[in-house]
Structures are given as C-alpha cells and as structure tokens.
C-alpha cells in the first residue's frame, strides 16, 4: 500500500482506513431523485473504477440506501465480487435514510442493506442526515442494538451539526458504543465545519470527519474556470448554485490559480493538491471520499497522496481558501 496510504483509525474504533475512500454516489444508475444527479455507468466502468481505487491503496467504500434505492450498493458489491474480493478484505460504509421515518426503520431496513451489499458486511452504518421522526436517543438505541447483535461494526452520522453530533455521541456512550464519524460536506470551497463547531467538536471527541464533495463537485479542478460553458452541460441542477455562476467562478479563481501553481511544482494536478491539503491540514481527523466516473478519475484520486506539501504551501492554500469558511 505504501507510505502514501498509511492507514488511520476510524474514530475510536479498531477499524483502520486509508485517508481516502471512494464515494459511490455515482454508482446509482441514475435512479431516484438523489441518484438522478448522475448518468448510469456501465458495469465495466464501475469495475474499472473500483479496481483502480483498490490498486491505488484505497481500502474502503462509501455508499448509501438512497443512492439509487440500493443500486449503488449492489453495483459496488458486484464489482468487488467480480474482482475476487472476499468479505473482510475491504471495508464498507453505507447510510440509513431518515426522511419521514422513525428509529424502528433502522433495524427494519438493515436486511435490505445487507442483501444489496451481499456478501459484504457493513463496517460503518451512518444516519444520513439529522431530520428523522425520532429522537437522537431512539436512533442511538437502534444503532447500538445492531452493533451489540453483531449486524454492523460501528456507528456514524452524516450532516449532523456540532450540537446534534455531541448529543448522538453522548447517547451512544451511555450504551457503551462510540460515535466514530460525521460525514460532512467539506472542501477548500466549503470550509464551514471549521467555523460552525463541527470540526472542533470532532477533534475533542475523537470523531473522524469524512469529507464528501472534497473537490467541490469538480470546481477545484479548474475545468469550469477554463471553460464556463461546461457549467451548462455538465452539472445539471447545480448550475444554478452561486459558486457555478460567473461571479462565483471569479471569486474562487485566485485559489484555483494557486493550486495549479503548486501542482506544477510537484508534477501533479490541482485536484490532487486540494485532496492532499484536505486530509493533512488537520492531522488525522479528516478523511475524504472523492468520487469517480472514469478510471482516470480514480487514478488521479489515489495519486493525491504521493507527494508532500510544504508548510508554506499548506499555509498559502489555507489563506486563499479562508473566504469560504
């Protein structure tokens, strides 16, 4: 696996993960409201992406129930099986979708999750967001029961504020279970977790932050700055978001220019510099799950840890991205 993928503990668990995992939202086969953000990928492409990620040192994959109503989980499991990966040789994280559901749904839907991922186990089961028809205590009780029954290994949350994360941490601790992770949107163009208390609380409590959209859905590559016309053809509904508009692209351009300059010095890409900064600037607290829709994307992801940013480069990137705190 090499120095560049030195493993880290997932929160206060005994699980060790690579600093980068593979986000699998794009394996949704274009199904459903959430999965519809992506076009369906051929099975061969999915397998290429998974194989390239594994070869590059990634040992874990993040998916979710809501990603194509289980299609992402199924596609991931099929790719891993085709590649000869046995249960226990890779780590799987998935998520329960809380919308319009109570805590009982966590246990009731687990069989479908395990079936979709078969023959692989769930190493990390996460609550996808904080809005459910259930208290934090009831959700903690349901998750803790699954751990105690050996049906999942660890518990995480996603999109939880600092206050709700602390509440879940405390509720699980009463049951002897650690909260190991909080999956949050985090990138150089969205550093809100540093100003809203989430990152500070995670460091205090020993919780791993899993950064999703770590490349700001492609913006940090600079391709939309080079060719703004791509916004209309490549990002679908996201083209209406402020960061994709001409004023938003102008605001982030100084950072993109710096990332490219630093990338040139290291013989890498701007995206690789952005990922490298994200998983190193805060020690071992932050890991990231970039996605990939092509083999080349997976190769670029895994190459993001093959170089070391200098202290001056780390500080320069920090300063230029501070407007996005």
Protein backbone atom coordinates (compact mmCIF):
# COMPACT_ATOMS: atom_id res chain seq x y z
CA UNK A 1 0.00 0.00 0.00
CA UNK A 2 2.96 2.28 0.55
CA UNK A 3 3.66 5.38 2.60
CA UNK A 4 1.09 7.48 0.79
CA UNK A 5 -1.82 5.40 2.07
CA UNK A 6 -0.76 4.95 5.69
CA UNK A 7 -3.88 3.81 7.50
CA UNK A 8 -5.71 5.80 10.18
CA UNK A 9 -8.09 4.75 12.91
CA UNK A 10 -11.75 5.41 12.21
CA UNK A 11 -12.74 7.45 15.25
CA UNK A 12 -12.28 5.48 18.46
CA UNK A 13 -12.82 2.12 16.81
CA UNK A 14 -10.41 -0.66 15.89
CA UNK A 15 -11.04 -0.11 12.17
CA UNK A 16 -8.17 1.28 10.10
CA UNK A 17 -8.96 3.14 6.90
CA UNK A 18 -6.98 4.79 4.15
CA UNK A 19 -7.06 8.63 4.23
CA UNK A 20 -9.05 8.47 1.00
CA UNK A 21 -12.03 6.24 0.37
CA UNK A 22 -14.16 6.01 -2.75
CA UNK A 23 -17.51 7.80 -2.73
CA UNK A 24 -20.04 5.67 -4.63
CA UNK A 25 -22.99 8.03 -5.15
CA UNK A 26 -22.24 7.94 -8.90
CA UNK A 27 -22.99 4.19 -8.98
CA UNK A 28 -26.72 4.94 -8.52
CA UNK A 29 -27.56 4.01 -12.14
CA UNK A 30 -29.40 7.31 -12.50
CA UNK A 31 -32.28 6.02 -10.37
CA UNK A 32 -34.38 8.07 -7.98
CA UNK A 33 -34.32 11.73 -7.03
CA UNK A 34 -30.87 11.52 -5.41
CA UNK A 35 -29.38 9.01 -7.83
CA UNK A 36 -30.65 11.06 -10.74
CA UNK A 37 -27.81 13.53 -10.29
CA UNK A 38 -25.65 11.03 -12.22
CA UNK A 39 -25.96 9.24 -15.51
CA UNK A 40 -25.87 5.45 -15.34
CA UNK A 41 -22.36 3.99 -15.63
CA UNK A 42 -21.72 0.70 -17.45
CA UNK A 43 -20.89 -2.20 -15.13
CA UNK A 44 -17.46 -2.46 -16.71
CA UNK A 45 -16.71 1.17 -15.89
CA UNK A 46 -17.78 0.67 -12.28
CA UNK A 47 -15.47 -2.33 -12.01
CA UNK A 48 -12.57 -0.38 -13.54
CA UNK A 49 -13.07 2.43 -11.01
CA UNK A 50 -13.21 0.04 -8.06
CA UNK A 51 -10.19 -1.94 -9.27
CA UNK A 52 -8.13 1.22 -9.82
CA UNK A 53 -9.07 2.51 -6.37
CA UNK A 54 -8.04 -0.74 -4.71
CA UNK A 55 -4.78 -0.88 -6.62
CA UNK A 56 -4.02 2.67 -5.52
CA UNK A 57 -4.33 1.77 -1.84
CA UNK A 58 -7.95 2.64 -1.03
CA UNK A 59 -9.44 0.08 1.35
CA UNK A 60 -12.95 1.42 1.94
CA UNK A 61 -16.03 2.46 0.00
CA UNK A 62 -18.89 4.74 0.98
CA UNK A 63 -22.40 4.20 -0.36
CA UNK A 64 -25.99 4.69 0.86
CA UNK A 65 -29.51 3.33 0.74
CA UNK A 66 -30.75 6.44 -1.07
CA UNK A 67 -28.16 6.20 -3.84
CA UNK A 68 -30.44 4.72 -6.47
CA UNK A 69 -32.58 2.90 -3.89
CA UNK A 70 -29.81 0.38 -3.22
CA UNK A 71 -28.44 0.25 -6.76
CA UNK A 72 -25.14 1.82 -5.73
CA UNK A 73 -24.70 -0.79 -3.00
CA UNK A 74 -25.48 -3.58 -5.48
CA UNK A 75 -23.12 -2.19 -8.13
CA UNK A 76 -20.32 -1.86 -5.60
CA UNK A 77 -20.81 -5.41 -4.30
CA UNK A 78 -20.95 -6.79 -7.84
CA UNK A 79 -17.70 -5.05 -8.77
CA UNK A 80 -15.89 -6.25 -5.65
CA UNK A 81 -17.13 -9.80 -6.20
CA UNK A 82 -16.01 -9.77 -9.84
CA UNK A 83 -12.59 -8.64 -8.69
CA UNK A 84 -12.36 -11.59 -6.31
CA UNK A 85 -12.50 -9.55 -3.11
CA UNK A 86 -13.66 -11.66 -0.18
CA UNK A 87 -15.71 -10.36 2.76
CA UNK A 88 -13.35 -8.80 5.27
CA UNK A 89 -10.78 -7.78 2.65
CA UNK A 90 -12.41 -4.39 2.12
CA UNK A 91 -14.40 -2.04 4.35
CA UNK A 92 -17.92 -0.90 3.51
CA UNK A 93 -19.76 2.17 4.80
CA UNK A 94 -23.41 2.77 4.00
CA UNK A 95 -26.21 5.01 5.30
CA UNK A 96 -29.81 4.82 6.51
CA UNK A 97 -32.14 7.46 5.02
CA UNK A 98 -34.18 9.07 7.85
CA UNK A 99 -36.69 11.20 5.91
CA UNK A 100 -40.27 10.54 7.13
CA UNK A 101 -39.05 7.55 9.16
CA UNK A 102 -38.81 6.59 12.79
CA UNK A 103 -35.94 4.85 14.58
CA UNK A 104 -37.53 1.42 14.06
CA UNK A 105 -36.76 1.77 10.36
CA UNK A 106 -33.04 1.47 11.08
CA UNK A 107 -33.37 -2.18 12.08
CA UNK A 108 -36.21 -2.95 9.69
CA UNK A 109 -34.23 -1.80 6.64
CA UNK A 110 -30.93 -3.37 7.60
CA UNK A 111 -31.79 -6.65 5.92
CA UNK A 112 -32.23 -4.84 2.61
CA UNK A 113 -28.88 -3.13 3.07
CA UNK A 114 -27.11 -6.42 3.79
CA UNK A 115 -28.87 -8.07 0.86
CA UNK A 116 -27.82 -5.30 -1.52
CA UNK A 117 -24.22 -5.49 -0.30
CA UNK A 118 -24.06 -9.28 -0.08
CA UNK A 119 -21.70 -10.98 0.61
CA UNK A 120 -20.05 -7.98 2.28
CA UNK A 121 -20.71 -6.77 5.81
CA UNK A 122 -21.42 -3.22 6.98
CA UNK A 123 -18.37 -1.87 8.76
CA UNK A 124 -19.82 1.62 9.23
CA UNK A 125 -23.55 2.33 9.32
CA UNK A 126 -24.44 6.02 9.23
CA UNK A 127 -27.54 8.13 9.76
CA UNK A 128 -27.68 10.11 6.51
CA UNK A 129 -28.98 13.37 7.99
CA UNK A 130 -30.29 14.73 11.26
CA UNK A 131 -34.01 15.02 10.43
CA UNK A 132 -35.97 11.91 11.35
CA UNK A 133 -39.29 11.22 13.08
CA UNK A 134 -37.29 10.04 16.07
CA UNK A 135 -35.20 11.42 18.89
CA UNK A 136 -31.44 11.17 18.91
CA UNK A 137 -31.77 8.76 21.83
CA UNK A 138 -34.11 6.44 19.93
CA UNK A 139 -31.80 6.41 16.91
CA UNK A 140 -28.79 5.75 19.14
CA UNK A 141 -30.64 2.86 20.78
CA UNK A 142 -31.47 1.30 17.41
CA UNK A 143 -27.91 1.63 16.14
CA UNK A 144 -26.38 0.36 19.38
CA UNK A 145 -28.61 -2.71 19.24
CA UNK A 146 -27.33 -3.55 15.76
CA UNK A 147 -23.73 -3.27 16.97
CA UNK A 148 -24.43 -5.44 20.01
CA UNK A 149 -26.12 -8.05 17.80
CA UNK A 150 -23.07 -8.11 15.51
CA UNK A 151 -25.04 -6.89 12.49
CA UNK A 152 -22.88 -3.78 11.98
CA UNK A 153 -19.42 -2.90 13.31
CA UNK A 154 -19.58 0.82 14.01
CA UNK A 155 -21.93 3.82 14.02
CA UNK A 156 -21.57 7.16 12.24
CA UNK A 157 -23.71 10.13 11.31
CA UNK A 158 -23.80 12.49 8.36
CA UNK A 159 -24.73 16.15 8.07
CA UNK A 160 -25.05 16.49 11.86
CA UNK A 161 -24.44 19.89 13.44
CA UNK A 162 -21.97 20.14 16.32
CA UNK A 163 -24.86 20.13 18.80
CA UNK A 164 -26.56 17.07 17.32
CA UNK A 165 -23.25 15.27 16.91
CA UNK A 166 -22.48 15.83 20.59
CA UNK A 167 -25.95 14.58 21.51
CA UNK A 168 -25.52 11.40 19.46
CA UNK A 169 -22.05 10.86 20.89
CA UNK A 170 -23.42 11.12 24.43
CA UNK A 171 -26.43 8.89 23.70
CA UNK A 172 -24.26 6.15 22.20
CA UNK A 173 -21.70 6.44 25.01
CA UNK A 174 -24.44 5.61 27.51
CA UNK A 175 -24.80 2.33 25.66
CA UNK A 176 -21.05 1.68 25.51
CA UNK A 177 -20.79 2.45 21.78
CA UNK A 178 -18.53 5.16 20.27
CA UNK A 179 -19.71 7.55 17.58
CA UNK A 180 -16.86 7.13 15.12
CA UNK A 181 -17.63 9.57 12.31
CA UNK A 182 -19.59 12.52 10.98
CA UNK A 183 -19.75 12.76 7.19
CA UNK A 184 -19.88 16.41 6.15
CA UNK A 185 -19.56 18.49 3.01
CA UNK A 186 -16.04 19.86 3.24
CA UNK A 187 -13.62 21.22 0.67
CA UNK A 188 -11.42 24.24 0.06
CA UNK A 189 -14.55 25.93 -1.32
CA UNK A 190 -16.71 24.98 1.66
CA UNK A 191 -14.89 25.21 4.98
CA UNK A 192 -17.97 25.82 7.15
CA UNK A 193 -17.21 22.94 9.51
CA UNK A 194 -14.23 24.96 10.73
CA UNK A 195 -16.44 27.90 11.76
CA UNK A 196 -19.62 26.17 12.97
CA UNK A 197 -18.06 23.99 15.66
CA UNK A 198 -18.24 20.62 13.89
CA UNK A 199 -14.50 20.20 13.34
CA UNK A 200 -13.59 21.40 16.83
CA UNK A 201 -16.09 19.00 18.43
CA UNK A 202 -14.85 16.12 16.27
CA UNK A 203 -11.27 16.72 17.39
CA UNK A 204 -12.35 16.96 21.02
CA UNK A 205 -14.42 13.76 20.94
CA UNK A 206 -12.13 11.67 18.73
CA UNK A 207 -14.61 11.54 15.85
CA UNK A 208 -13.40 11.21 12.27
CA UNK A 209 -14.75 13.76 9.79
CA UNK A 210 -15.49 12.14 6.44
CA UNK A 211 -15.39 14.89 3.81
CA UNK A 212 -17.83 14.44 0.95
CA UNK A 213 -17.69 16.59 -2.20
CA UNK A 214 -13.99 17.18 -1.35
CA UNK A 215 -13.35 18.59 -4.83
CA UNK A 216 -16.46 20.80 -4.74
CA UNK A 217 -18.00 18.57 -7.42
CA UNK A 218 -15.20 19.29 -9.87
CA UNK A 219 -14.81 23.02 -9.32
CA UNK A 220 -11.38 22.63 -7.71
CA UNK A 221 -10.04 21.03 -10.88
CA UNK A 222 -10.35 24.41 -12.59
CA UNK A 223 -12.12 22.95 -15.62
CA UNK A 224 -15.17 25.19 -15.16
CA UNK A 225 -12.94 28.24 -14.81
CA UNK A 226 -11.24 27.35 -18.09
CA UNK A 227 -14.49 26.71 -19.89
CA UNK A 228 -17.59 28.18 -18.19
CA UNK A 229 -19.74 26.67 -20.95
CA UNK A 230 -19.22 23.31 -19.23
CA UNK A 231 -21.45 24.52 -16.41
CA UNK A 232 -24.48 24.31 -18.70
CA UNK A 233 -23.67 20.84 -19.99
CA UNK A 234 -22.05 19.02 -17.07
CA UNK A 235 -23.58 19.94 -13.70
CA UNK A 236 -27.34 19.73 -14.23
CA UNK A 237 -29.38 21.47 -11.49
CA UNK A 238 -26.19 22.57 -9.76
CA UNK A 239 -25.59 25.20 -12.44
CA UNK A 240 -27.97 27.47 -10.53
CA UNK A 241 -25.77 27.43 -7.41
CA UNK A 242 -23.83 30.67 -6.76
CA UNK A 243 -20.41 29.03 -6.95
CA UNK A 244 -21.01 27.99 -10.60
CA UNK A 245 -22.11 31.44 -11.74
CA UNK A 246 -19.58 33.82 -13.35
CA UNK A 247 -19.26 35.81 -10.10
CA UNK A 248 -18.68 32.60 -8.15
CA UNK A 249 -16.03 31.39 -10.57
CA UNK A 250 -14.29 34.77 -10.35
CA UNK A 251 -14.32 34.58 -6.54
CA UNK A 252 -12.59 31.19 -6.47
CA UNK A 253 -10.13 31.85 -9.29
CA UNK A 254 -7.24 33.08 -7.08
CA UNK A 255 -7.38 29.80 -5.18
CA UNK A 256 -7.53 27.76 -8.40
CA UNK A 257 -4.54 29.63 -9.79
CA UNK A 258 -2.53 28.91 -6.62
CA UNK A 259 -3.48 25.22 -6.64
CA UNK A 260 -2.28 24.97 -10.23
CA UNK A 261 0.99 26.70 -9.47
CA UNK A 262 1.65 24.39 -6.52
CA UNK A 263 0.59 21.39 -8.60
CA UNK A 264 3.09 22.27 -11.31
CA UNK A 265 5.87 22.36 -8.72
CA UNK A 266 5.01 18.81 -7.64
CA UNK A 267 4.17 17.42 -11.08
CA UNK A 268 0.56 16.73 -10.10
CA UNK A 269 -2.88 18.29 -10.68
CA UNK A 270 -4.83 20.99 -8.87
CA UNK A 271 -7.38 18.39 -7.73
CA UNK A 272 -4.62 16.28 -6.20
CA UNK A 273 -3.25 19.27 -4.31
CA UNK A 274 -6.74 20.05 -2.99
CA UNK A 275 -7.25 16.50 -1.73
CA UNK A 276 -3.77 16.35 -0.21
CA UNK A 277 -4.37 19.56 1.74
CA UNK A 278 -7.77 18.37 2.97
CA UNK A 279 -6.57 15.12 4.56
CA UNK A 280 -3.37 16.57 6.06
CA UNK A 281 -4.08 20.11 7.27
CA UNK A 282 -5.97 18.91 10.37
CA UNK A 283 -3.78 15.95 11.24
CA UNK A 284 -5.61 12.61 11.10
CA UNK A 285 -9.09 14.00 11.85
CA UNK A 286 -10.27 14.46 8.25
CA UNK A 287 -10.51 11.76 5.59
CA UNK A 288 -12.17 12.23 2.21
CA UNK A 289 -14.33 10.29 -0.24
CA UNK A 290 -13.88 11.69 -3.75
CA UNK A 291 -16.00 10.01 -6.39
CA UNK A 292 -15.01 8.87 -9.86
CA UNK A 293 -16.92 8.28 -13.08
CA UNK A 294 -13.87 7.16 -15.07
CA UNK A 295 -10.78 5.06 -14.40
CA UNK A 296 -8.68 8.21 -14.87
CA UNK A 297 -10.54 9.94 -12.05
CA UNK A 298 -9.78 7.05 -9.71
CA UNK A 299 -6.12 7.11 -10.73
CA UNK A 300 -5.98 10.84 -10.03
CA UNK A 301 -7.61 10.36 -6.63
CA UNK A 302 -5.19 7.71 -5.47
CA UNK A 303 -2.23 9.75 -6.71
CA UNK A 304 -3.21 12.63 -4.46
CA UNK A 305 -1.16 11.35 -1.53
CA UNK A 306 2.04 10.57 -3.43
CA UNK A 307 3.69 13.90 -2.57
CA UNK A 308 4.15 16.16 0.44
CA UNK A 309 3.04 19.78 0.57
CA UNK A 310 5.46 22.14 2.31
CA UNK A 311 4.39 24.15 5.34
CA UNK A 312 4.43 27.29 3.21
CA UNK A 313 2.18 25.65 0.62
CA UNK A 314 -0.23 24.43 3.27
CA UNK A 315 -0.46 27.92 4.76
CA UNK A 316 -0.85 29.59 1.37
CA UNK A 317 -3.75 27.32 0.44
CA UNK A 318 -5.28 27.94 3.86
CA UNK A 319 -5.09 31.72 3.42
CA UNK A 320 -6.57 31.74 -0.08
CA UNK A 321 -9.47 29.48 0.89
CA UNK A 322 -10.38 31.33 4.09
CA UNK A 323 -13.11 33.34 2.31
CA UNK A 324 -15.00 30.02 2.17
CA UNK A 325 -15.05 29.42 5.94
